[in-house]
PDB file of all heavy atoms in Angstrom:
ATOM      1  N   ALA A   1       8.079   2.173 -30.874  1.00  0.00           N
ATOM      2  CA  ALA A   1       7.347   1.034 -30.336  1.00  0.00           C
ATOM      3  C   ALA A   1       6.652   1.379 -29.029  1.00  0.00           C
ATOM      4  O   ALA A   1       5.601   0.841 -28.724  1.00  0.00           O
ATOM      5  CB  ALA A   1       8.301  -0.144 -30.119  1.00  0.00           C
ATOM      6  N   SER A   2       7.258   2.312 -28.237  1.00  0.00           N
ATOM      7  CA  SER A   2       6.708   2.532 -26.914  1.00  0.00           C
ATOM      8  C   SER A   2       6.342   3.974 -26.615  1.00  0.00           C
ATOM      9  O   SER A   2       5.900   4.279 -25.522  1.00  0.00           O
ATOM     10  CB  SER A   2       7.732   2.065 -25.866  1.00  0.00           C
ATOM     11  OG  SER A   2       8.920   2.838 -25.964  1.00  0.00           O
ATOM     12  N   CYS A   3       6.548   4.893 -27.586  1.00  0.00           N
ATOM     13  CA  CYS A   3       6.293   6.287 -27.300  1.00  0.00           C
ATOM     14  C   CYS A   3       4.801   6.588 -27.294  1.00  0.00           C
ATOM     15  O   CYS A   3       4.001   5.881 -27.892  1.00  0.00           O
ATOM     16  CB  CYS A   3       6.980   7.183 -28.337  1.00  0.00           C
ATOM     17  SG  CYS A   3       6.320   6.981 -29.996  1.00  0.00           S
ATOM     18  N   LYS A   4       4.451   7.677 -26.586  1.00  0.00           N
ATOM     19  CA  LYS A   4       3.093   8.183 -26.625  1.00  0.00           C
ATOM     20  C   LYS A   4       2.911   8.912 -27.946  1.00  0.00           C
ATOM     21  O   LYS A   4       3.765   9.663 -28.365  1.00  0.00           O
ATOM     22  CB  LYS A   4       2.884   9.162 -25.463  1.00  0.00           C
ATOM     23  CG  LYS A   4       1.514   9.817 -25.446  1.00  0.00           C
ATOM     24  CD  LYS A   4       1.437  10.790 -24.288  1.00  0.00           C
ATOM     25  CE  LYS A   4       0.117  11.524 -24.284  1.00  0.00           C
ATOM     26  NZ  LYS A   4       0.058  12.514 -23.198  1.00  0.00           N
ATOM     27  N   LYS A   5       1.790   8.722 -28.620  1.00  0.00           N
ATOM     28  CA  LYS A   5       1.570   9.332 -29.919  1.00  0.00           C
ATOM     29  C   LYS A   5       0.240  10.067 -29.945  1.00  0.00           C
ATOM     30  O   LYS A   5      -0.730   9.633 -29.354  1.00  0.00           O
ATOM     31  CB  LYS A   5       1.579   8.262 -31.028  1.00  0.00           C
ATOM     32  CG  LYS A   5       2.864   7.453 -31.104  1.00  0.00           C
ATOM     33  CD  LYS A   5       2.764   6.390 -32.181  1.00  0.00           C
ATOM     34  CE  LYS A   5       4.034   5.556 -32.238  1.00  0.00           C
ATOM     35  NZ  LYS A   5       3.946   4.478 -33.244  1.00  0.00           N
ATOM     36  N   ASP A   6       0.250  11.198 -30.655  1.00  0.00           N
ATOM     37  CA  ASP A   6      -0.994  11.900 -30.938  1.00  0.00           C
ATOM     38  C   ASP A   6      -1.382  11.604 -32.371  1.00  0.00           C
ATOM     39  O   ASP A   6      -0.530  11.562 -33.252  1.00  0.00           O
ATOM     40  CB  ASP A   6      -0.797  13.422 -30.807  1.00  0.00           C
ATOM     41  CG  ASP A   6      -0.858  13.861 -29.361  1.00  0.00           C
ATOM     42  OD1 ASP A   6      -0.980  12.979 -28.498  1.00  0.00           O
ATOM     43  OD2 ASP A   6      -0.748  15.073 -29.106  1.00  0.00           O
ATOM     44  N   LYS A   7      -2.656  11.385 -32.598  1.00  0.00           N
ATOM     45  CA  LYS A   7      -3.107  11.191 -33.964  1.00  0.00           C
ATOM     46  C   LYS A   7      -2.816  12.450 -34.757  1.00  0.00           C
ATOM     47  O   LYS A   7      -3.112  13.556 -34.337  1.00  0.00           O
ATOM     48  CB  LYS A   7      -4.610  10.913 -33.985  1.00  0.00           C
ATOM     49  CG  LYS A   7      -5.152  10.649 -35.390  1.00  0.00           C
ATOM     50  CD  LYS A   7      -6.622  10.325 -35.335  1.00  0.00           C
ATOM     51  CE  LYS A   7      -7.169  10.055 -36.727  1.00  0.00           C
ATOM     52  NZ  LYS A   7      -8.615   9.748 -36.684  1.00  0.00           N
ATOM     53  N   SER A   8      -2.175  12.288 -35.909  1.00  0.00           N
ATOM     54  CA  SER A   8      -1.814  13.445 -36.722  1.00  0.00           C
ATOM     55  C   SER A   8      -3.054  14.225 -37.118  1.00  0.00           C
ATOM     56  O   SER A   8      -4.061  13.660 -37.526  1.00  0.00           O
ATOM     57  CB  SER A   8      -1.066  12.988 -37.975  1.00  0.00           C
ATOM     58  OG  SER A   8      -0.843  14.081 -38.823  1.00  0.00           O
ATOM     59  N   ASP A   9      -2.969  15.568 -36.988  1.00  0.00           N
ATOM     60  CA  ASP A   9      -4.092  16.389 -37.383  1.00  0.00           C
ATOM     61  C   ASP A   9      -3.841  17.049 -38.734  1.00  0.00           C
ATOM     62  O   ASP A   9      -4.498  18.002 -39.120  1.00  0.00           O
ATOM     63  CB  ASP A   9      -4.380  17.461 -36.321  1.00  0.00           C
ATOM     64  CG  ASP A   9      -3.159  18.322 -36.015  1.00  0.00           C
ATOM     65  OD1 ASP A   9      -2.137  18.165 -36.696  1.00  0.00           O
ATOM     66  OD2 ASP A   9      -3.262  19.151 -35.099  1.00  0.00           O
ATOM     67  N   ASP A  10      -2.843  16.540 -39.473  1.00  0.00           N
ATOM     68  CA  ASP A  10      -2.493  17.106 -40.753  1.00  0.00           C
ATOM     69  C   ASP A  10      -2.679  16.064 -41.844  1.00  0.00           C
ATOM     70  O   ASP A  10      -2.634  14.863 -41.593  1.00  0.00           O
ATOM     71  CB  ASP A  10      -1.027  17.568 -40.735  1.00  0.00           C
ATOM     72  CG  ASP A  10      -0.769  18.510 -39.578  1.00  0.00           C
ATOM     73  OD1 ASP A  10      -1.484  19.511 -39.472  1.00  0.00           O
ATOM     74  OD2 ASP A  10       0.134  18.219 -38.771  1.00  0.00           O
ATOM     75  N   PRO A  11      -2.886  16.500 -43.085  1.00  0.00           N
ATOM     76  CA  PRO A  11      -3.097  15.547 -44.177  1.00  0.00           C
ATOM     77  C   PRO A  11      -1.893  14.665 -44.401  1.00  0.00           C
ATOM     78  O   PRO A  11      -0.763  15.128 -44.442  1.00  0.00           O
ATOM     79  CB  PRO A  11      -3.355  16.461 -45.389  1.00  0.00           C
ATOM     80  CG  PRO A  11      -2.713  17.761 -45.020  1.00  0.00           C
ATOM     81  CD  PRO A  11      -2.919  17.886 -43.549  1.00  0.00           C
ATOM     82  N   ALA A  12      -2.116  13.356 -44.498  1.00  0.00           N
ATOM     83  CA  ALA A  12      -1.022  12.415 -44.702  1.00  0.00           C
ATOM     84  C   ALA A  12      -0.556  12.433 -46.151  1.00  0.00           C
ATOM     85  O   ALA A  12      -1.309  12.749 -47.058  1.00  0.00           O
ATOM     86  CB  ALA A  12      -1.487  10.997 -44.327  1.00  0.00           C
ATOM     87  N   SER A  13       0.731  12.106 -46.336  1.00  0.00           N
ATOM     88  CA  SER A  13       1.279  12.010 -47.679  1.00  0.00           C
ATOM     89  C   SER A  13       1.600  10.555 -47.980  1.00  0.00           C
ATOM     90  O   SER A  13       2.052   9.815 -47.111  1.00  0.00           O
ATOM     91  CB  SER A  13       2.558  12.853 -47.782  1.00  0.00           C
ATOM     92  OG  SER A  13       3.229  12.584 -48.993  1.00  0.00           O
ATOM     93  N   THR A  14       1.370  10.147 -49.196  1.00  0.00           N
ATOM     94  CA  THR A  14       1.704   8.783 -49.594  1.00  0.00           C
ATOM     95  C   THR A  14       2.695   8.811 -50.757  1.00  0.00           C
ATOM     96  O   THR A  14       2.796   7.880 -51.521  1.00  0.00           O
ATOM     97  CB  THR A  14       0.438   8.006 -50.014  1.00  0.00           C
ATOM     98  OG1 THR A  14      -0.235   8.734 -51.046  1.00  0.00           O
ATOM     99  CG2 THR A  14      -0.490   7.824 -48.823  1.00  0.00           C
ATOM    100  N   ASN A  15       3.417   9.923 -50.890  1.00  0.00           N
ATOM    101  CA  ASN A  15       4.401  10.052 -51.957  1.00  0.00           C
ATOM    102  C   ASN A  15       5.433   8.939 -51.863  1.00  0.00           C
ATOM    103  O   ASN A  15       6.028   8.712 -50.822  1.00  0.00           O
ATOM    104  CB  ASN A  15       5.089  11.421 -51.858  1.00  0.00           C
ATOM    105  CG  ASN A  15       5.982  11.682 -53.054  1.00  0.00           C
ATOM    106  OD1 ASN A  15       5.662  11.291 -54.175  1.00  0.00           O
ATOM    107  ND2 ASN A  15       7.096  12.334 -52.810  1.00  0.00           N
ATOM    108  N   ASN A  16       5.609   8.199 -52.964  1.00  0.00           N
ATOM    109  CA  ASN A  16       6.556   7.079 -52.993  1.00  0.00           C
ATOM    110  C   ASN A  16       6.229   6.027 -51.940  1.00  0.00           C
ATOM    111  O   ASN A  16       7.128   5.319 -51.474  1.00  0.00           O
ATOM    112  CB  ASN A  16       7.995   7.573 -52.803  1.00  0.00           C
ATOM    113  CG  ASN A  16       8.509   8.309 -54.032  1.00  0.00           C
ATOM    114  OD1 ASN A  16       7.762   8.548 -54.974  1.00  0.00           O
ATOM    115  ND2 ASN A  16       9.767   8.670 -54.028  1.00  0.00           N
ATOM    116  N   ASP A  17       4.969   5.960 -51.529  1.00  0.00           N
ATOM    117  CA  ASP A  17       4.520   4.976 -50.546  1.00  0.00           C
ATOM    118  C   ASP A  17       5.127   5.179 -49.161  1.00  0.00           C
ATOM    119  O   ASP A  17       5.051   4.294 -48.314  1.00  0.00           O
ATOM    120  CB  ASP A  17       4.810   3.545 -51.029  1.00  0.00           C
ATOM    121  CG  ASP A  17       4.045   3.200 -52.299  1.00  0.00           C
ATOM    122  OD1 ASP A  17       2.890   3.632 -52.404  1.00  0.00           O
ATOM    123  OD2 ASP A  17       4.600   2.514 -53.169  1.00  0.00           O
ATOM    124  N   VAL A  18       5.755   6.317 -48.911  1.00  0.00           N
ATOM    125  CA  VAL A  18       6.289   6.631 -47.592  1.00  0.00           C
ATOM    126  C   VAL A  18       5.231   7.408 -46.821  1.00  0.00           C
ATOM    127  O   VAL A  18       4.719   8.416 -47.309  1.00  0.00           O
ATOM    128  CB  VAL A  18       7.583   7.463 -47.679  1.00  0.00           C
ATOM    129  CG1 VAL A  18       8.111   7.774 -46.280  1.00  0.00           C
ATOM    130  CG2 VAL A  18       8.635   6.716 -48.483  1.00  0.00           C
ATOM    131  N   THR A  19       4.889   6.951 -45.612  1.00  0.00           N
ATOM    132  CA  THR A  19       3.915   7.642 -44.777  1.00  0.00           C
ATOM    133  C   THR A  19       4.594   8.051 -43.479  1.00  0.00           C
ATOM    134  O   THR A  19       5.746   7.688 -43.206  1.00  0.00           O
ATOM    135  CB  THR A  19       2.706   6.747 -44.456  1.00  0.00           C
ATOM    136  OG1 THR A  19       3.106   5.727 -43.513  1.00  0.00           O
ATOM    137  CG2 THR A  19       2.162   6.084 -45.716  1.00  0.00           C
ATOM    138  N   ILE A  20       3.876   8.774 -42.655  1.00  0.00           N
ATOM    139  CA  ILE A  20       4.410   9.258 -41.388  1.00  0.00           C
ATOM    140  C   ILE A  20       4.782   8.109 -40.452  1.00  0.00           C
ATOM    141  O   ILE A  20       5.568   8.276 -39.530  1.00  0.00           O
ATOM    142  CB  ILE A  20       3.397  10.205 -40.707  1.00  0.00           C
ATOM    143  CG1 ILE A  20       4.078  11.060 -39.631  1.00  0.00           C
ATOM    144  CG2 ILE A  20       2.199   9.444 -40.177  1.00  0.00           C
ATOM    145  CD1 ILE A  20       5.072  12.044 -40.157  1.00  0.00           C
ATOM    146  N   ASN A  21       4.249   6.905 -40.692  1.00  0.00           N
ATOM    147  CA  ASN A  21       4.539   5.753 -39.848  1.00  0.00           C
ATOM    148  C   ASN A  21       5.583   4.803 -40.442  1.00  0.00           C
ATOM    149  O   ASN A  21       5.835   3.737 -39.899  1.00  0.00           O
ATOM    150  CB  ASN A  21       3.248   4.974 -39.572  1.00  0.00           C
ATOM    151  CG  ASN A  21       2.256   5.790 -38.763  1.00  0.00           C
ATOM    152  OD1 ASN A  21       2.599   6.368 -37.739  1.00  0.00           O
ATOM    153  ND2 ASN A  21       1.021   5.871 -39.249  1.00  0.00           N
ATOM    154  N   SER A  22       6.192   5.206 -41.558  1.00  0.00           N
ATOM    155  CA  SER A  22       7.235   4.377 -42.171  1.00  0.00           C
ATOM    156  C   SER A  22       8.528   4.461 -41.379  1.00  0.00           C
ATOM    157  O   SER A  22       8.672   5.275 -40.460  1.00  0.00           O
ATOM    158  CB  SER A  22       7.487   4.831 -43.616  1.00  0.00           C
ATOM    159  OG  SER A  22       6.336   4.697 -44.414  1.00  0.00           O
ATOM    160  N   THR A  23       9.500   3.630 -41.735  1.00  0.00           N
ATOM    161  CA  THR A  23      10.837   3.683 -41.145  1.00  0.00           C
ATOM    162  C   THR A  23      11.536   4.959 -41.599  1.00  0.00           C
ATOM    163  O   THR A  23      11.390   5.380 -42.750  1.00  0.00           O
ATOM    164  CB  THR A  23      11.667   2.459 -41.581  1.00  0.00           C
ATOM    165  OG1 THR A  23      10.986   1.275 -41.186  1.00  0.00           O
ATOM    166  CG2 THR A  23      13.055   2.478 -40.973  1.00  0.00           C
ATOM    167  N   ALA A  24      12.307   5.585 -40.711  1.00  0.00           N
ATOM    168  CA  ALA A  24      13.050   6.799 -41.056  1.00  0.00           C
ATOM    169  C   ALA A  24      13.904   6.561 -42.290  1.00  0.00           C
ATOM    170  O   ALA A  24      14.598   5.546 -42.400  1.00  0.00           O
ATOM    171  CB  ALA A  24      13.923   7.221 -39.881  1.00  0.00           C
ATOM    172  N   GLN A  25      13.868   7.511 -43.231  1.00  0.00           N
ATOM    173  CA  GLN A  25      14.563   7.306 -44.499  1.00  0.00           C
ATOM    174  C   GLN A  25      14.636   8.593 -45.299  1.00  0.00           C
ATOM    175  O   GLN A  25      13.945   9.567 -45.017  1.00  0.00           O
ATOM    176  CB  GLN A  25      13.843   6.253 -45.334  1.00  0.00           C
ATOM    177  CG  GLN A  25      12.411   6.617 -45.678  1.00  0.00           C
ATOM    178  CD  GLN A  25      11.652   5.468 -46.302  1.00  0.00           C
ATOM    179  OE1 GLN A  25      11.763   5.240 -47.514  1.00  0.00           O
ATOM    180  NE2 GLN A  25      10.888   4.749 -45.477  1.00  0.00           N
ATOM    181  N   VAL A  26      15.479   8.573 -46.329  1.00  0.00           N
ATOM    182  CA  VAL A  26      15.526   9.647 -47.302  1.00  0.00           C
ATOM    183  C   VAL A  26      15.823   9.043 -48.667  1.00  0.00           C
ATOM    184  O   VAL A  26      16.599   8.088 -48.779  1.00  0.00           O
ATOM    185  CB  VAL A  26      16.579  10.720 -46.946  1.00  0.00           C
ATOM    186  CG1 VAL A  26      17.993  10.137 -46.952  1.00  0.00           C
ATOM    187  CG2 VAL A  26      16.491  11.898 -47.909  1.00  0.00           C
ATOM    188  N   SER A  27      15.172   9.563 -49.695  1.00  0.00           N
ATOM    189  CA  SER A  27      15.453   9.150 -51.061  1.00  0.00           C
ATOM    190  C   SER A  27      15.331  10.365 -51.964  1.00  0.00           C
ATOM    191  O   SER A  27      14.543  11.277 -51.693  1.00  0.00           O
ATOM    192  CB  SER A  27      14.506   8.036 -51.520  1.00  0.00           C
ATOM    193  OG  SER A  27      13.171   8.506 -51.562  1.00  0.00           O
ATOM    194  N   PHE A  28      16.120  10.392 -53.029  1.00  0.00           N
ATOM    195  CA  PHE A  28      16.079  11.498 -53.980  1.00  0.00           C
ATOM    196  C   PHE A  28      16.880  11.119 -55.214  1.00  0.00           C
ATOM    197  O   PHE A  28      17.608  10.110 -55.226  1.00  0.00           O
ATOM    198  CB  PHE A  28      16.666  12.778 -53.362  1.00  0.00           C
ATOM    199  CG  PHE A  28      18.042  12.616 -52.776  1.00  0.00           C
ATOM    200  CD1 PHE A  28      19.187  12.843 -53.536  1.00  0.00           C
ATOM    201  CD2 PHE A  28      18.206  12.220 -51.449  1.00  0.00           C
ATOM    202  CE1 PHE A  28      20.451  12.689 -52.998  1.00  0.00           C
ATOM    203  CE2 PHE A  28      19.475  12.063 -50.896  1.00  0.00           C
ATOM    204  CZ  PHE A  28      20.597  12.295 -51.672  1.00  0.00           C
ATOM    205  N   LYS A  29      16.739  11.909 -56.258  1.00  0.00           N
ATOM    206  CA  LYS A  29      17.529  11.730 -57.465  1.00  0.00           C
ATOM    207  C   LYS A  29      18.587  12.825 -57.520  1.00  0.00           C
ATOM    208  O   LYS A  29      18.264  14.012 -57.388  1.00  0.00           O
ATOM    209  CB  LYS A  29      16.647  11.771 -58.708  1.00  0.00           C
ATOM    210  CG  LYS A  29      15.721  10.568 -58.838  1.00  0.00           C
ATOM    211  CD  LYS A  29      14.878  10.649 -60.104  1.00  0.00           C
ATOM    212  CE  LYS A  29      13.958   9.433 -60.217  1.00  0.00           C
ATOM    213  NZ  LYS A  29      13.074   9.525 -61.416  1.00  0.00           N
ATOM    214  N   LEU A  30      19.827  12.433 -57.675  1.00  0.00           N
ATOM    215  CA  LEU A  30      20.945  13.364 -57.755  1.00  0.00           C
ATOM    216  C   LEU A  30      21.436  13.381 -59.200  1.00  0.00           C
ATOM    217  O   LEU A  30      22.032  12.417 -59.669  1.00  0.00           O
ATOM    218  CB  LEU A  30      22.068  12.924 -56.809  1.00  0.00           C
ATOM    219  CG  LEU A  30      23.257  13.873 -56.699  1.00  0.00           C
ATOM    220  CD1 LEU A  30      22.849  15.146 -55.955  1.00  0.00           C
ATOM    221  CD2 LEU A  30      24.421  13.194 -55.976  1.00  0.00           C
ATOM    222  N   ASP A  31      21.130  14.477 -59.899  1.00  0.00           N
ATOM    223  CA  ASP A  31      21.413  14.558 -61.342  1.00  0.00           C
ATOM    224  C   ASP A  31      20.849  13.333 -62.067  1.00  0.00           C
ATOM    225  O   ASP A  31      21.478  12.758 -62.962  1.00  0.00           O
ATOM    226  CB  ASP A  31      22.912  14.682 -61.607  1.00  0.00           C
ATOM    227  CG  ASP A  31      23.449  16.076 -61.284  1.00  0.00           C
ATOM    228  OD1 ASP A  31      22.628  17.011 -61.163  1.00  0.00           O
ATOM    229  OD2 ASP A  31      24.675  16.223 -61.173  1.00  0.00           O
ATOM    230  N   GLY A  32      19.658  12.899 -61.621  1.00  0.00           N
ATOM    231  CA  GLY A  32      18.966  11.803 -62.271  1.00  0.00           C
ATOM    232  C   GLY A  32      19.260  10.425 -61.724  1.00  0.00           C
ATOM    233  O   GLY A  32      18.579   9.458 -62.075  1.00  0.00           O
ATOM    234  N   THR A  33      20.274  10.296 -60.860  1.00  0.00           N
ATOM    235  CA  THR A  33      20.629   9.006 -60.264  1.00  0.00           C
ATOM    236  C   THR A  33      19.977   8.864 -58.895  1.00  0.00           C
ATOM    237  O   THR A  33      20.137   9.736 -58.036  1.00  0.00           O
ATOM    238  CB  THR A  33      22.151   8.866 -60.109  1.00  0.00           C
ATOM    239  OG1 THR A  33      22.771   8.973 -61.394  1.00  0.00           O
ATOM    240  CG2 THR A  33      22.514   7.519 -59.485  1.00  0.00           C
ATOM    241  N   THR A  34      19.241   7.790 -58.675  1.00  0.00           N
ATOM    242  CA  THR A  34      18.522   7.589 -57.418  1.00  0.00           C
ATOM    243  C   THR A  34      19.462   7.281 -56.256  1.00  0.00           C
ATOM    244  O   THR A  34      20.350   6.426 -56.360  1.00  0.00           O
ATOM    245  CB  THR A  34      17.506   6.447 -57.561  1.00  0.00           C
ATOM    246  OG1 THR A  34      16.565   6.779 -58.581  1.00  0.00           O
ATOM    247  CG2 THR A  34      16.755   6.216 -56.251  1.00  0.00           C
ATOM    248  N   LYS A  35      19.262   7.980 -55.149  1.00  0.00           N
ATOM    249  CA  LYS A  35      19.980   7.743 -53.897  1.00  0.00           C
ATOM    250  C   LYS A  35      18.935   7.426 -52.830  1.00  0.00           C
ATOM    251  O   LYS A  35      17.898   8.080 -52.758  1.00  0.00           O
ATOM    252  CB  LYS A  35      20.785   8.971 -53.476  1.00  0.00           C
ATOM    253  CG  LYS A  35      21.771   9.472 -54.531  1.00  0.00           C
ATOM    254  CD  LYS A  35      22.914   8.494 -54.722  1.00  0.00           C
ATOM    255  CE  LYS A  35      23.914   9.036 -55.745  1.00  0.00           C
ATOM    256  NZ  LYS A  35      25.060   8.103 -55.952  1.00  0.00           N
ATOM    257  N   SER A  36      19.219   6.429 -51.995  1.00  0.00           N
ATOM    258  CA  SER A  36      18.253   6.042 -50.977  1.00  0.00           C
ATOM    259  C   SER A  36      18.964   5.539 -49.726  1.00  0.00           C
ATOM    260  O   SER A  36      19.908   4.747 -49.819  1.00  0.00           O
ATOM    261  CB  SER A  36      17.323   4.957 -51.524  1.00  0.00           C
ATOM    262  OG  SER A  36      16.374   4.568 -50.551  1.00  0.00           O
ATOM    263  N   TYR A  37      18.520   6.005 -48.567  1.00  0.00           N
ATOM    264  CA  TYR A  37      19.082   5.592 -47.281  1.00  0.00           C
ATOM    265  C   TYR A  37      17.934   5.336 -46.315  1.00  0.00           C
ATOM    266  O   TYR A  37      17.100   6.220 -46.087  1.00  0.00           O
ATOM    267  CB  TYR A  37      20.017   6.673 -46.718  1.00  0.00           C
ATOM    268  CG  TYR A  37      21.136   7.023 -47.662  1.00  0.00           C
ATOM    269  CD1 TYR A  37      20.984   8.042 -48.597  1.00  0.00           C
ATOM    270  CD2 TYR A  37      22.343   6.316 -47.652  1.00  0.00           C
ATOM    271  CE1 TYR A  37      21.994   8.368 -49.493  1.00  0.00           C
ATOM    272  CE2 TYR A  37      23.366   6.630 -48.538  1.00  0.00           C
ATOM    273  CZ  TYR A  37      23.186   7.649 -49.453  1.00  0.00           C
ATOM    274  OH  TYR A  37      24.189   7.957 -50.346  1.00  0.00           O
ATOM    275  N   VAL A  38      17.885   4.145 -45.764  1.00  0.00           N
ATOM    276  CA  VAL A  38      16.828   3.759 -44.837  1.00  0.00           C
ATOM    277  C   VAL A  38      17.469   3.345 -43.514  1.00  0.00           C
ATOM    278  O   VAL A  38      18.462   2.607 -43.500  1.00  0.00           O
ATOM    279  CB  VAL A  38      15.993   2.587 -45.399  1.00  0.00           C
ATOM    280  CG1 VAL A  38      14.886   2.202 -44.423  1.00  0.00           C
ATOM    281  CG2 VAL A  38      15.403   2.950 -46.755  1.00  0.00           C
ATOM    282  N   GLN A  39      16.921   3.808 -42.431  1.00  0.00           N
ATOM    283  CA  GLN A  39      17.456   3.472 -41.110  1.00  0.00           C
ATOM    284  C   GLN A  39      17.583   1.963 -40.933  1.00  0.00           C
ATOM    285  O   GLN A  39      16.639   1.211 -41.175  1.00  0.00           O
ATOM    286  CB  GLN A  39      16.528   4.032 -40.037  1.00  0.00           C
ATOM    287  CG  GLN A  39      17.015   3.758 -38.623  1.00  0.00           C
ATOM    288  CD  GLN A  39      16.062   4.353 -37.632  1.00  0.00           C
ATOM    289  OE1 GLN A  39      16.078   5.540 -37.389  1.00  0.00           O
ATOM    290  NE2 GLN A  39      15.198   3.517 -37.087  1.00  0.00           N
ATOM    291  N   SER A  40      18.764   1.520 -40.533  1.00  0.00           N
ATOM    292  CA  SER A  40      19.040   0.087 -40.405  1.00  0.00           C
ATOM    293  C   SER A  40      20.254  -0.071 -39.500  1.00  0.00           C
ATOM    294  O   SER A  40      20.697   0.880 -38.852  1.00  0.00           O
ATOM    295  CB  SER A  40      19.337  -0.509 -41.782  1.00  0.00           C
ATOM    296  OG  SER A  40      20.524   0.050 -42.322  1.00  0.00           O
ATOM    297  N   ALA A  41      20.813  -1.273 -39.470  1.00  0.00           N
ATOM    298  CA  ALA A  41      22.014  -1.518 -38.677  1.00  0.00           C
ATOM    299  C   ALA A  41      23.226  -0.781 -39.242  1.00  0.00           C
ATOM    300  O   ALA A  41      24.219  -0.571 -38.541  1.00  0.00           O
ATOM    301  CB  ALA A  41      22.303  -3.020 -38.616  1.00  0.00           C
TER     302      ALA A  41
END
């Protein structure tokens, strides 16, 4: 919210609708089962 930011000079990714400005998170399939963790309380 308050940090100084430089405009990214690299190509953005929209894989799974996650961009460089999304909430910190990880998602993947483990032996075909989806696992997902998003920064929260």
